[in-house]
Amino acid sequence: MHYKLTEEILNLSESKEWDFAKLEWSFEFAYYAEELQKCLCGHYPIKNICVIKNRRNSSVTEVGNCCINKFLGIDEGNKIFISIKKLKDSETASMSSEVIEYIYKKKGISDFEYNFYKSIYRKRIMSDKQWDIKKRINQKFLNFTSYETNSHFNKINLVLKWAQTNITFNTDFVQSIKKSCQKNGRLTEKQLESLNKIISAFKIQ
């Protein structure tokens, strides 16, 4: 499995020497898949998935969290997956400080939600309203780190990348649903249906 991963990463890298090729890659996102997925190394099943991006050529790929820890030395996903497990076990639990920073930088929560969460981070006694806000933010994090959300963003970015060379295409709608996905953690069924129609109509691949 190690050889399979090495081969796949080298194929996507600029350097063909492993020690240099692995340094081209950086962490982008972490996702938890409810449905079992297959790692780039060939291992099945996995649920903890990291999206990594090549700094040199902008290639993007998905790798199981264990593999990027062991073979690529990328460990940013660890705390995210710990927070996912905590929040799945208890809706009132807290994300780690590093994870709060992560989801804020990725625009998964608003300025208000970010500042609110920091203000109540160590609190155990809060009003019902404060608990409700905290649980809502926790759910946004779980939505944001779902594999379904990843697939939605992939489709949005696919269309926007295609539009860069098809300048007559109006991207206003796609940009609007991208903001909606960032805000709500996923697209609505109607938004996803409309996006799929665009991909199909223009044969975007």
N, C-alpha and C. Protein backbone atom coordinates (compact mmCIF):
# COMPACT_ATOMS: atom_id res chain seq x y z
N MET A 1 0.83 -1.21 0.00
CA MET A 1 0.00 0.00 0.00
C MET A 1 0.86 1.26 0.00
N HIS A 2 2.01 1.18 0.72
CA HIS A 2 2.92 2.32 0.75
C HIS A 2 3.41 2.64 -0.67
N TYR A 3 3.74 1.56 -1.44
CA TYR A 3 4.25 1.78 -2.80
C TYR A 3 3.18 2.39 -3.70
N LYS A 4 1.93 1.97 -3.50
CA LYS A 4 0.83 2.52 -4.29
C LYS A 4 0.66 4.01 -4.00
N LEU A 5 0.71 4.39 -2.73
CA LEU A 5 0.59 5.80 -2.36
C LEU A 5 1.75 6.61 -2.94
N THR A 6 2.96 6.10 -2.80
CA THR A 6 4.14 6.79 -3.33
C THR A 6 4.00 7.02 -4.83
N GLU A 7 3.57 5.99 -5.53
CA GLU A 7 3.40 6.09 -6.99
C GLU A 7 2.37 7.15 -7.36
N GLU A 8 1.25 7.15 -6.66
CA GLU A 8 0.17 8.10 -6.96
C GLU A 8 0.61 9.54 -6.68
N ILE A 9 1.28 9.75 -5.55
CA ILE A 9 1.74 11.10 -5.19
C ILE A 9 2.80 11.58 -6.18
N LEU A 10 3.72 10.71 -6.55
CA LEU A 10 4.76 11.09 -7.52
C LEU A 10 4.16 11.47 -8.87
N ASN A 11 3.12 10.76 -9.28
CA ASN A 11 2.46 11.06 -10.55
C ASN A 11 1.83 12.45 -10.55
N LEU A 12 1.45 12.93 -9.36
CA LEU A 12 0.79 14.23 -9.24
C LEU A 12 1.77 15.35 -8.88
N SER A 13 3.03 14.99 -8.65
CA SER A 13 4.04 15.96 -8.19
C SER A 13 4.93 16.42 -9.33
N GLU A 14 5.62 17.53 -9.10
CA GLU A 14 6.59 18.02 -10.06
C GLU A 14 7.88 17.21 -9.96
N SER A 15 8.37 17.02 -8.76
CA SER A 15 9.58 16.22 -8.56
C SER A 15 9.24 14.74 -8.64
N LYS A 16 10.13 13.93 -9.17
CA LYS A 16 9.93 12.49 -9.22
C LYS A 16 10.82 11.77 -8.20
N GLU A 17 11.39 12.56 -7.29
CA GLU A 17 12.13 12.01 -6.15
C GLU A 17 11.25 12.15 -4.90
N TRP A 18 10.96 11.03 -4.24
CA TRP A 18 9.99 11.03 -3.16
C TRP A 18 10.30 12.04 -2.06
N ASP A 19 11.54 12.14 -1.63
CA ASP A 19 11.90 13.03 -0.52
C ASP A 19 11.58 14.49 -0.84
N PHE A 20 11.64 14.85 -2.11
CA PHE A 20 11.32 16.21 -2.53
C PHE A 20 9.84 16.35 -2.90
N ALA A 21 9.29 15.33 -3.53
CA ALA A 21 7.89 15.37 -3.97
C ALA A 21 6.95 15.56 -2.79
N LYS A 22 7.21 14.86 -1.68
CA LYS A 22 6.29 14.95 -0.55
C LYS A 22 6.29 16.33 0.09
N LEU A 23 7.39 17.09 -0.11
CA LEU A 23 7.46 18.44 0.45
C LEU A 23 6.63 19.45 -0.35
N GLU A 24 6.18 19.05 -1.53
CA GLU A 24 5.37 19.94 -2.36
C GLU A 24 3.92 20.03 -1.86
N TRP A 25 3.54 19.13 -0.95
CA TRP A 25 2.13 19.00 -0.58
C TRP A 25 1.82 19.65 0.77
N SER A 26 0.64 20.26 0.84
CA SER A 26 0.19 20.89 2.10
C SER A 26 -1.27 20.55 2.35
N PHE A 27 -1.65 20.63 3.60
CA PHE A 27 -3.01 20.31 4.05
C PHE A 27 -3.99 21.39 3.62
N GLU A 28 -5.18 20.98 3.14
CA GLU A 28 -6.23 21.92 2.76
C GLU A 28 -7.48 21.76 3.63
N PHE A 29 -8.05 20.56 3.63
CA PHE A 29 -9.29 20.30 4.37
C PHE A 29 -9.25 18.91 4.99
N ALA A 30 -10.12 18.72 5.98
CA ALA A 30 -10.34 17.39 6.56
C ALA A 30 -11.84 17.11 6.53
N TYR A 31 -12.20 15.87 6.18
CA TYR A 31 -13.60 15.49 6.10
C TYR A 31 -13.81 14.12 6.71
N TYR A 32 -15.01 13.95 7.29
CA TYR A 32 -15.42 12.67 7.83
C TYR A 32 -16.50 12.09 6.94
N ALA A 33 -16.29 10.91 6.42
CA ALA A 33 -17.26 10.29 5.51
C ALA A 33 -18.14 9.29 6.26
N GLU A 34 -19.45 9.46 6.18
CA GLU A 34 -20.38 8.51 6.77
C GLU A 34 -20.34 7.20 5.98
N GLU A 35 -20.22 7.32 4.65
CA GLU A 35 -20.10 6.14 3.80
C GLU A 35 -18.61 5.84 3.60
N LEU A 36 -18.23 4.60 3.69
CA LEU A 36 -16.83 4.20 3.65
C LEU A 36 -16.20 4.58 2.31
N GLN A 37 -14.95 5.08 2.38
CA GLN A 37 -14.22 5.51 1.20
C GLN A 37 -12.92 4.71 1.07
N LYS A 38 -12.24 4.90 -0.07
CA LYS A 38 -10.99 4.21 -0.34
C LYS A 38 -9.85 5.22 -0.37
N CYS A 39 -8.74 4.90 0.30
CA CYS A 39 -7.58 5.79 0.33
C CYS A 39 -6.83 5.72 -0.99
N LEU A 40 -6.04 6.74 -1.26
CA LEU A 40 -5.21 6.78 -2.45
C LEU A 40 -4.23 5.61 -2.49
N CYS A 41 -3.88 5.09 -1.32
CA CYS A 41 -2.95 3.96 -1.23
C CYS A 41 -3.62 2.64 -1.58
N GLY A 42 -4.95 2.66 -1.68
CA GLY A 42 -5.71 1.45 -1.98
C GLY A 42 -6.40 0.85 -0.77
N HIS A 43 -6.08 1.36 0.43
CA HIS A 43 -6.69 0.80 1.65
C HIS A 43 -8.18 1.12 1.72
N TYR A 44 -8.95 0.12 2.12
CA TYR A 44 -10.41 0.27 2.29
C TYR A 44 -10.81 -0.56 3.51
N PRO A 45 -11.68 -0.06 4.40
CA PRO A 45 -12.38 1.23 4.30
C PRO A 45 -11.70 2.31 5.14
N ILE A 46 -11.96 3.56 4.80
CA ILE A 46 -11.53 4.70 5.62
C ILE A 46 -12.68 5.69 5.76
N LYS A 47 -12.65 6.46 6.83
CA LYS A 47 -13.65 7.50 7.04
C LYS A 47 -13.02 8.87 7.25
N ASN A 48 -11.79 8.88 7.81
CA ASN A 48 -11.10 10.15 8.05
C ASN A 48 -10.25 10.50 6.82
N ILE A 49 -10.67 11.52 6.11
CA ILE A 49 -10.07 11.85 4.82
C ILE A 49 -9.52 13.27 4.84
N CYS A 50 -8.30 13.43 4.31
CA CYS A 50 -7.70 14.76 4.20
C CYS A 50 -7.52 15.11 2.72
N VAL A 51 -7.81 16.35 2.41
CA VAL A 51 -7.57 16.89 1.07
C VAL A 51 -6.25 17.64 1.13
N ILE A 52 -5.33 17.29 0.24
CA ILE A 52 -4.04 17.96 0.20
C ILE A 52 -3.83 18.60 -1.18
N LYS A 53 -3.03 19.65 -1.19
CA LYS A 53 -2.81 20.41 -2.43
C LYS A 53 -1.32 20.58 -2.69
N ASN A 54 -0.95 20.43 -3.95
CA ASN A 54 0.44 20.60 -4.35
C ASN A 54 0.74 22.08 -4.57
N ARG A 55 1.74 22.60 -3.86
CA ARG A 55 2.09 24.01 -3.95
C ARG A 55 2.68 24.38 -5.30
N ARG A 56 3.28 23.41 -5.98
CA ARG A 56 3.98 23.68 -7.23
C ARG A 56 3.05 23.72 -8.44
N ASN A 57 2.11 22.78 -8.52
CA ASN A 57 1.25 22.70 -9.71
C ASN A 57 -0.25 22.75 -9.42
N SER A 58 -0.61 22.97 -8.15
CA SER A 58 -2.01 23.12 -7.72
C SER A 58 -2.85 21.85 -7.84
N SER A 59 -2.21 20.70 -8.02
CA SER A 59 -2.96 19.44 -8.02
C SER A 59 -3.57 19.22 -6.64
N VAL A 60 -4.74 18.61 -6.62
CA VAL A 60 -5.45 18.33 -5.37
C VAL A 60 -5.82 16.85 -5.34
N THR A 61 -5.65 16.22 -4.18
CA THR A 61 -6.04 14.83 -4.05
C THR A 61 -6.47 14.53 -2.61
N GLU A 62 -7.07 13.36 -2.41
CA GLU A 62 -7.55 12.95 -1.10
C GLU A 62 -6.75 11.75 -0.61
N VAL A 63 -6.42 11.79 0.68
CA VAL A 63 -5.63 10.71 1.28
C VAL A 63 -6.19 10.44 2.67
N GLY A 64 -6.16 9.19 3.08
CA GLY A 64 -6.57 8.85 4.44
C GLY A 64 -5.67 9.52 5.46
N ASN A 65 -6.24 9.89 6.60
CA ASN A 65 -5.48 10.64 7.59
C ASN A 65 -4.26 9.88 8.09
N CYS A 66 -4.37 8.56 8.24
CA CYS A 66 -3.22 7.76 8.71
C CYS A 66 -2.07 7.83 7.73
N CYS A 67 -2.39 7.79 6.44
CA CYS A 67 -1.33 7.80 5.42
C CYS A 67 -0.59 9.14 5.38
N ILE A 68 -1.34 10.25 5.46
CA ILE A 68 -0.62 11.53 5.37
C ILE A 68 0.19 11.79 6.64
N ASN A 69 -0.25 11.21 7.75
CA ASN A 69 0.56 11.29 8.98
C ASN A 69 1.85 10.50 8.82
N LYS A 70 1.72 9.27 8.38
CA LYS A 70 2.84 8.33 8.38
C LYS A 70 3.83 8.59 7.25
N PHE A 71 3.32 8.87 6.06
CA PHE A 71 4.20 8.93 4.90
C PHE A 71 4.49 10.34 4.40
N LEU A 72 3.58 11.28 4.65
CA LEU A 72 3.80 12.64 4.19
C LEU A 72 4.16 13.60 5.33
N GLY A 73 4.00 13.14 6.56
CA GLY A 73 4.34 13.98 7.71
C GLY A 73 3.41 15.17 7.90
N ILE A 74 2.17 15.04 7.40
CA ILE A 74 1.18 16.11 7.54
C ILE A 74 0.19 15.69 8.62
N ASP A 75 0.11 16.47 9.72
CA ASP A 75 -0.70 16.02 10.86
C ASP A 75 -1.83 16.99 11.23
N GLU A 76 -2.11 17.98 10.36
CA GLU A 76 -3.14 18.97 10.70
C GLU A 76 -4.53 18.37 10.90
N GLY A 77 -4.78 17.24 10.27
CA GLY A 77 -6.12 16.64 10.37
C GLY A 77 -6.41 16.01 11.71
N ASN A 78 -5.38 15.67 12.48
CA ASN A 78 -5.58 14.92 13.72
C ASN A 78 -6.55 15.60 14.68
N LYS A 79 -6.31 16.88 14.98
CA LYS A 79 -7.16 17.57 15.94
C LYS A 79 -8.57 17.81 15.40
N ILE A 80 -8.66 17.95 14.08
CA ILE A 80 -9.99 18.11 13.48
C ILE A 80 -10.82 16.85 13.69
N PHE A 81 -10.22 15.68 13.46
CA PHE A 81 -10.96 14.43 13.63
C PHE A 81 -11.28 14.15 15.10
N ILE A 82 -10.41 14.58 16.00
CA ILE A 82 -10.70 14.44 17.43
C ILE A 82 -11.92 15.29 17.79
N SER A 83 -11.97 16.53 17.27
CA SER A 83 -13.11 17.41 17.55
C SER A 83 -14.38 16.86 16.92
N ILE A 84 -14.28 16.29 15.72
CA ILE A 84 -15.47 15.69 15.09
C ILE A 84 -16.04 14.60 15.98
N LYS A 85 -15.17 13.72 16.49
CA LYS A 85 -15.64 12.63 17.35
C LYS A 85 -16.28 13.17 18.63
N LYS A 86 -15.64 14.17 19.24
CA LYS A 86 -16.19 14.75 20.47
C LYS A 86 -17.59 15.31 20.25
N LEU A 87 -17.77 16.04 19.15
CA LEU A 87 -19.05 16.69 18.90
C LEU A 87 -20.12 15.69 18.46
N LYS A 88 -19.71 14.60 17.82
CA LYS A 88 -20.67 13.56 17.48
C LYS A 88 -21.15 12.83 18.73
N ASP A 89 -20.26 12.74 19.72
CA ASP A 89 -20.62 12.11 20.99
C ASP A 89 -21.48 13.02 21.85
N SER A 90 -21.21 14.35 21.76
CA SER A 90 -21.95 15.31 22.58
C SER A 90 -22.06 16.64 21.86
N GLU A 91 -23.28 17.10 21.63
CA GLU A 91 -23.49 18.36 20.90
C GLU A 91 -23.08 19.58 21.71
N THR A 92 -22.85 19.40 23.01
CA THR A 92 -22.44 20.53 23.85
C THR A 92 -20.92 20.55 24.10
N ALA A 93 -20.18 19.58 23.55
CA ALA A 93 -18.73 19.56 23.72
C ALA A 93 -18.10 20.74 22.99
N SER A 94 -16.82 20.93 23.16
CA SER A 94 -16.12 22.06 22.55
C SER A 94 -15.08 21.60 21.54
N MET A 95 -14.98 22.34 20.43
CA MET A 95 -13.87 22.14 19.50
C MET A 95 -12.59 22.62 20.18
N SER A 96 -11.46 22.14 19.73
CA SER A 96 -10.19 22.65 20.24
C SER A 96 -9.96 24.05 19.69
N SER A 97 -9.08 24.81 20.32
CA SER A 97 -8.78 26.17 19.87
C SER A 97 -8.22 26.16 18.45
N GLU A 98 -7.39 25.15 18.13
CA GLU A 98 -6.82 25.05 16.79
C GLU A 98 -7.90 24.82 15.74
N VAL A 99 -8.91 24.03 16.10
CA VAL A 99 -9.99 23.72 15.16
C VAL A 99 -10.89 24.94 14.95
N ILE A 100 -11.12 25.71 16.01
CA ILE A 100 -11.89 26.95 15.87
C ILE A 100 -11.19 27.88 14.87
N GLU A 101 -9.87 27.98 15.00
CA GLU A 101 -9.11 28.82 14.06
C GLU A 101 -9.20 28.26 12.64
N TYR A 102 -9.14 26.95 12.53
CA TYR A 102 -9.21 26.31 11.21
C TYR A 102 -10.52 26.62 10.50
N ILE A 103 -11.63 26.37 11.17
CA ILE A 103 -12.92 26.56 10.50
C ILE A 103 -13.21 28.04 10.22
N TYR A 104 -12.68 28.92 11.07
CA TYR A 104 -12.86 30.35 10.83
C TYR A 104 -12.05 30.79 9.61
N LYS A 105 -10.82 30.35 9.50
CA LYS A 105 -9.97 30.72 8.36
C LYS A 105 -10.54 30.17 7.05
N LYS A 106 -11.24 29.03 7.14
CA LYS A 106 -11.86 28.44 5.95
C LYS A 106 -13.24 29.03 5.66
N LYS A 107 -13.63 30.06 6.47
CA LYS A 107 -14.92 30.74 6.30
C LYS A 107 -16.11 29.83 6.56
N GLY A 108 -15.90 28.86 7.44
CA GLY A 108 -16.98 27.97 7.82
C GLY A 108 -17.89 28.55 8.87
N ILE A 109 -17.39 29.56 9.61
CA ILE A 109 -18.21 30.28 10.59
C ILE A 109 -17.99 31.77 10.41
N SER A 110 -18.96 32.55 10.89
CA SER A 110 -18.91 34.01 10.73
C SER A 110 -18.02 34.64 11.79
N ASP A 111 -17.77 35.94 11.64
CA ASP A 111 -17.01 36.69 12.64
C ASP A 111 -17.70 36.61 14.00
N PHE A 112 -19.02 36.79 14.00
CA PHE A 112 -19.77 36.72 15.26
C PHE A 112 -19.61 35.36 15.91
N GLU A 113 -19.78 34.29 15.14
CA GLU A 113 -19.69 32.94 15.69
C GLU A 113 -18.29 32.64 16.22
N TYR A 114 -17.29 33.10 15.50
CA TYR A 114 -15.90 32.91 15.93
C TYR A 114 -15.63 33.63 17.25
N ASN A 115 -16.03 34.90 17.35
CA ASN A 115 -15.80 35.66 18.58
C ASN A 115 -16.64 35.13 19.73
N PHE A 116 -17.87 34.70 19.43
CA PHE A 116 -18.73 34.14 20.47
C PHE A 116 -18.10 32.87 21.05
N TYR A 117 -17.64 31.99 20.16
CA TYR A 117 -17.09 30.71 20.62
C TYR A 117 -15.87 30.93 21.50
N LYS A 118 -15.03 31.87 21.12
CA LYS A 118 -13.86 32.16 21.95
C LYS A 118 -14.27 32.71 23.31
N SER A 119 -15.35 33.49 23.33
CA SER A 119 -15.77 34.13 24.59
C SER A 119 -16.35 33.12 25.58
N ILE A 120 -16.90 32.00 25.09
CA ILE A 120 -17.52 31.02 26.00
C ILE A 120 -16.72 29.72 26.07
N TYR A 121 -15.51 29.74 25.51
CA TYR A 121 -14.73 28.52 25.32
C TYR A 121 -14.56 27.72 26.61
N ARG A 122 -14.26 28.38 27.71
CA ARG A 122 -14.00 27.68 28.98
C ARG A 122 -15.22 27.63 29.89
N LYS A 123 -16.33 28.20 29.46
CA LYS A 123 -17.49 28.29 30.34
C LYS A 123 -18.26 26.97 30.42
N ARG A 124 -18.72 26.65 31.61
CA ARG A 124 -19.55 25.47 31.84
C ARG A 124 -20.97 25.85 32.23
N ILE A 125 -21.13 27.11 32.70
CA ILE A 125 -22.45 27.59 33.07
C ILE A 125 -22.81 28.72 32.11
N MET A 126 -23.88 28.51 31.33
CA MET A 126 -24.30 29.51 30.34
C MET A 126 -25.83 29.54 30.29
N SER A 127 -26.34 30.57 29.66
CA SER A 127 -27.78 30.69 29.48
C SER A 127 -28.24 29.71 28.40
N ASP A 128 -29.54 29.46 28.35
CA ASP A 128 -30.08 28.56 27.32
C ASP A 128 -29.75 29.09 25.93
N LYS A 129 -29.83 30.41 25.78
CA LYS A 129 -29.54 31.01 24.47
C LYS A 129 -28.09 30.77 24.06
N GLN A 130 -27.17 30.90 25.03
CA GLN A 130 -25.75 30.68 24.74
C GLN A 130 -25.49 29.23 24.35
N TRP A 131 -26.14 28.30 25.06
CA TRP A 131 -25.98 26.88 24.71
C TRP A 131 -26.51 26.61 23.30
N ASP A 132 -27.64 27.23 22.98
CA ASP A 132 -28.22 27.04 21.65
C ASP A 132 -27.29 27.54 20.55
N ILE A 133 -26.67 28.70 20.79
CA ILE A 133 -25.74 29.26 19.79
C ILE A 133 -24.52 28.34 19.65
N LYS A 134 -24.01 27.87 20.79
CA LYS A 134 -22.84 26.99 20.74
C LYS A 134 -23.17 25.71 19.98
N LYS A 135 -24.33 25.11 20.25
CA LYS A 135 -24.72 23.88 19.56
C LYS A 135 -24.91 24.12 18.08
N ARG A 136 -25.41 25.29 17.72
CA ARG A 136 -25.59 25.64 16.30
C ARG A 136 -24.23 25.74 15.60
N ILE A 137 -23.27 26.35 16.27
CA ILE A 137 -21.92 26.48 15.68
C ILE A 137 -21.27 25.10 15.58
N ASN A 138 -21.45 24.27 16.61
CA ASN A 138 -20.91 22.91 16.56
C ASN A 138 -21.48 22.14 15.36
N GLN A 139 -22.77 22.31 15.11
CA GLN A 139 -23.39 21.62 13.99
C GLN A 139 -22.86 22.15 12.66
N LYS A 140 -22.59 23.44 12.59
CA LYS A 140 -22.00 24.01 11.37
C LYS A 140 -20.64 23.38 11.10
N PHE A 141 -19.87 23.17 12.16
CA PHE A 141 -18.57 22.52 12.01
C PHE A 141 -18.73 21.10 11.49
N LEU A 142 -19.69 20.35 12.05
CA LEU A 142 -19.91 18.97 11.60
C LEU A 142 -20.38 18.95 10.15
N ASN A 143 -21.23 19.91 9.79
CA ASN A 143 -21.68 20.00 8.39
C ASN A 143 -20.50 20.31 7.47
N PHE A 144 -19.67 21.25 7.92
CA PHE A 144 -18.54 21.71 7.11
C PHE A 144 -17.53 20.59 6.88
N THR A 145 -17.40 19.70 7.85
CA THR A 145 -16.41 18.63 7.74
C THR A 145 -17.03 17.31 7.26
N SER A 146 -18.23 17.38 6.68
CA SER A 146 -18.84 16.17 6.13
C SER A 146 -18.33 15.95 4.71
N TYR A 147 -18.26 14.69 4.31
CA TYR A 147 -17.77 14.37 2.97
C TYR A 147 -18.74 14.87 1.91
N GLU A 148 -20.01 14.94 2.27
CA GLU A 148 -21.02 15.48 1.34
C GLU A 148 -20.69 16.92 0.98
N THR A 149 -20.32 17.71 1.99
CA THR A 149 -19.95 19.11 1.74
C THR A 149 -18.75 19.19 0.81
N ASN A 150 -17.77 18.31 1.01
CA ASN A 150 -16.60 18.29 0.15
C ASN A 150 -16.99 18.07 -1.31
N SER A 151 -17.91 17.15 -1.55
CA SER A 151 -18.32 16.87 -2.92
C SER A 151 -19.03 18.07 -3.53
N HIS A 152 -19.78 18.83 -2.71
CA HIS A 152 -20.47 20.03 -3.20
C HIS A 152 -19.46 21.09 -3.61
N PHE A 153 -18.46 21.32 -2.75
CA PHE A 153 -17.43 22.32 -3.06
C PHE A 153 -16.63 21.91 -4.30
N ASN A 154 -16.37 20.62 -4.44
CA ASN A 154 -15.63 20.16 -5.61
C ASN A 154 -16.37 20.49 -6.90
N LYS A 155 -17.68 20.30 -6.90
CA LYS A 155 -18.48 20.60 -8.08
C LYS A 155 -18.51 22.11 -8.36
N ILE A 156 -18.65 22.90 -7.30
CA ILE A 156 -18.66 24.35 -7.46
C ILE A 156 -17.33 24.83 -8.05
N ASN A 157 -16.24 24.36 -7.48
CA ASN A 157 -14.91 24.79 -7.95
C ASN A 157 -14.61 24.28 -9.35
N LEU A 158 -15.18 23.11 -9.70
CA LEU A 158 -15.02 22.58 -11.05
C LEU A 158 -15.63 23.54 -12.08
N VAL A 159 -16.84 24.04 -11.77
CA VAL A 159 -17.52 24.96 -12.68
C VAL A 159 -16.78 26.29 -12.75
N LEU A 160 -16.34 26.80 -11.61
CA LEU A 160 -15.64 28.09 -11.59
C LEU A 160 -14.30 28.01 -12.33
N LYS A 161 -13.62 26.88 -12.22
CA LYS A 161 -12.35 26.71 -12.95
C LYS A 161 -12.62 26.66 -14.45
N TRP A 162 -13.67 25.94 -14.84
CA TRP A 162 -14.05 25.85 -16.26
C TRP A 162 -14.42 27.23 -16.79
N ALA A 163 -15.09 28.04 -15.97
CA ALA A 163 -15.54 29.36 -16.39
C ALA A 163 -14.38 30.32 -16.67
N GLN A 164 -13.22 30.04 -16.10
CA GLN A 164 -12.05 30.91 -16.34
C GLN A 164 -11.64 30.92 -17.80
N THR A 165 -11.91 29.84 -18.51
CA THR A 165 -11.59 29.77 -19.94
C THR A 165 -12.84 29.84 -20.81
N ASN A 166 -13.98 30.08 -20.17
CA ASN A 166 -15.25 30.25 -20.89
C ASN A 166 -15.89 31.53 -20.38
N ILE A 167 -15.29 32.67 -20.76
CA ILE A 167 -15.61 33.96 -20.14
C ILE A 167 -17.01 34.46 -20.43
N THR A 168 -17.71 33.86 -21.38
CA THR A 168 -19.09 34.30 -21.64
C THR A 168 -20.07 33.72 -20.62
N PHE A 169 -19.61 32.73 -19.84
CA PHE A 169 -20.48 32.12 -18.84
C PHE A 169 -20.58 33.03 -17.61
N ASN A 170 -21.80 33.34 -17.20
CA ASN A 170 -22.04 34.20 -16.03
C ASN A 170 -21.95 33.35 -14.76
N THR A 171 -21.00 33.69 -13.90
CA THR A 171 -20.75 32.88 -12.69
C THR A 171 -21.50 33.38 -11.46
N ASP A 172 -22.36 34.38 -11.60
CA ASP A 172 -23.04 34.97 -10.43
C ASP A 172 -23.77 33.91 -9.61
N PHE A 173 -24.52 33.03 -10.28
CA PHE A 173 -25.28 32.00 -9.56
C PHE A 173 -24.35 31.05 -8.82
N VAL A 174 -23.30 30.61 -9.49
CA VAL A 174 -22.37 29.65 -8.87
C VAL A 174 -21.65 30.29 -7.69
N GLN A 175 -21.28 31.56 -7.83
CA GLN A 175 -20.64 32.27 -6.71
C GLN A 175 -21.62 32.40 -5.54
N SER A 176 -22.89 32.62 -5.84
CA SER A 176 -23.89 32.78 -4.77
C SER A 176 -24.11 31.48 -4.00
N ILE A 177 -24.14 30.35 -4.73
CA ILE A 177 -24.34 29.09 -4.01
C ILE A 177 -23.07 28.65 -3.29
N LYS A 178 -21.91 29.13 -3.76
CA LYS A 178 -20.67 28.85 -3.03
C LYS A 178 -20.71 29.55 -1.67
N LYS A 179 -21.16 30.80 -1.65
CA LYS A 179 -21.30 31.52 -0.38
C LYS A 179 -22.32 30.83 0.52
N SER A 180 -23.41 30.35 -0.09
CA SER A 180 -24.43 29.64 0.67
C SER A 180 -23.88 28.36 1.28
N CYS A 181 -23.06 27.65 0.51
CA CYS A 181 -22.46 26.40 1.00
C CYS A 181 -21.48 26.68 2.13
N GLN A 182 -20.72 27.77 2.01
CA GLN A 182 -19.80 28.15 3.08
C GLN A 182 -20.55 28.51 4.35
N LYS A 183 -21.70 29.15 4.18
CA LYS A 183 -22.49 29.59 5.33
C LYS A 183 -23.22 28.44 6.00
N ASN A 184 -23.82 27.55 5.19
CA ASN A 184 -24.71 26.51 5.73
C ASN A 184 -24.07 25.13 5.84
N GLY A 185 -22.86 25.00 5.25
CA GLY A 185 -22.18 23.71 5.34
C GLY A 185 -22.52 22.75 4.22
N ARG A 186 -23.51 23.06 3.42
CA ARG A 186 -23.89 22.20 2.30
C ARG A 186 -24.88 22.94 1.41
N LEU A 187 -25.11 22.41 0.22
CA LEU A 187 -26.10 22.98 -0.68
C LEU A 187 -27.46 22.38 -0.40
N THR A 188 -28.50 23.11 -0.74
CA THR A 188 -29.84 22.54 -0.67
C THR A 188 -30.02 21.59 -1.86
N GLU A 189 -31.04 20.76 -1.82
CA GLU A 189 -31.29 19.83 -2.93
C GLU A 189 -31.53 20.59 -4.23
N LYS A 190 -32.24 21.72 -4.14
CA LYS A 190 -32.53 22.51 -5.33
C LYS A 190 -31.25 23.13 -5.90
N GLN A 191 -30.39 23.66 -5.03
CA GLN A 191 -29.12 24.24 -5.48
C GLN A 191 -28.23 23.17 -6.14
N LEU A 192 -28.16 21.99 -5.51
CA LEU A 192 -27.35 20.92 -6.06
C LEU A 192 -27.88 20.45 -7.41
N GLU A 193 -29.19 20.38 -7.52
CA GLU A 193 -29.82 19.99 -8.79
C GLU A 193 -29.47 20.99 -9.89
N SER A 194 -29.53 22.29 -9.56
CA SER A 194 -29.21 23.33 -10.54
C SER A 194 -27.74 23.26 -10.95
N LEU A 195 -26.87 23.01 -9.98
CA LEU A 195 -25.43 22.91 -10.26
C LEU A 195 -25.16 21.71 -11.16
N ASN A 196 -25.79 20.58 -10.88
CA ASN A 196 -25.61 19.38 -11.70
C ASN A 196 -26.09 19.60 -13.13
N LYS A 197 -27.15 20.39 -13.29
CA LYS A 197 -27.67 20.69 -14.63
C LYS A 197 -26.66 21.51 -15.42
N ILE A 198 -25.98 22.46 -14.76
CA ILE A 198 -24.95 23.27 -15.42
C ILE A 198 -23.81 22.37 -15.88
N ILE A 199 -23.35 21.48 -14.99
CA ILE A 199 -22.25 20.57 -15.31
C ILE A 199 -22.62 19.67 -16.49
N SER A 200 -23.85 19.18 -16.48
CA SER A 200 -24.31 18.31 -17.55
C SER A 200 -24.51 19.04 -18.87
N ALA A 201 -25.13 20.23 -18.81
CA ALA A 201 -25.45 21.00 -20.02
C ALA A 201 -24.19 21.42 -20.77
N PHE A 202 -23.15 21.81 -20.00
CA PHE A 202 -21.92 22.28 -20.65
C PHE A 202 -20.85 21.19 -20.73
N LYS A 203 -21.24 19.97 -20.28
CA LYS A 203 -20.30 18.83 -20.34
C LYS A 203 -18.97 19.17 -19.66
N ILE A 204 -19.07 19.72 -18.45
CA ILE A 204 -17.89 20.13 -17.69
C ILE A 204 -17.28 18.92 -17.01
N GLN A 205 -15.98 18.73 -17.18
CA GLN A 205 -15.30 17.59 -16.58
C GLN A 205 -14.05 18.01 -15.82
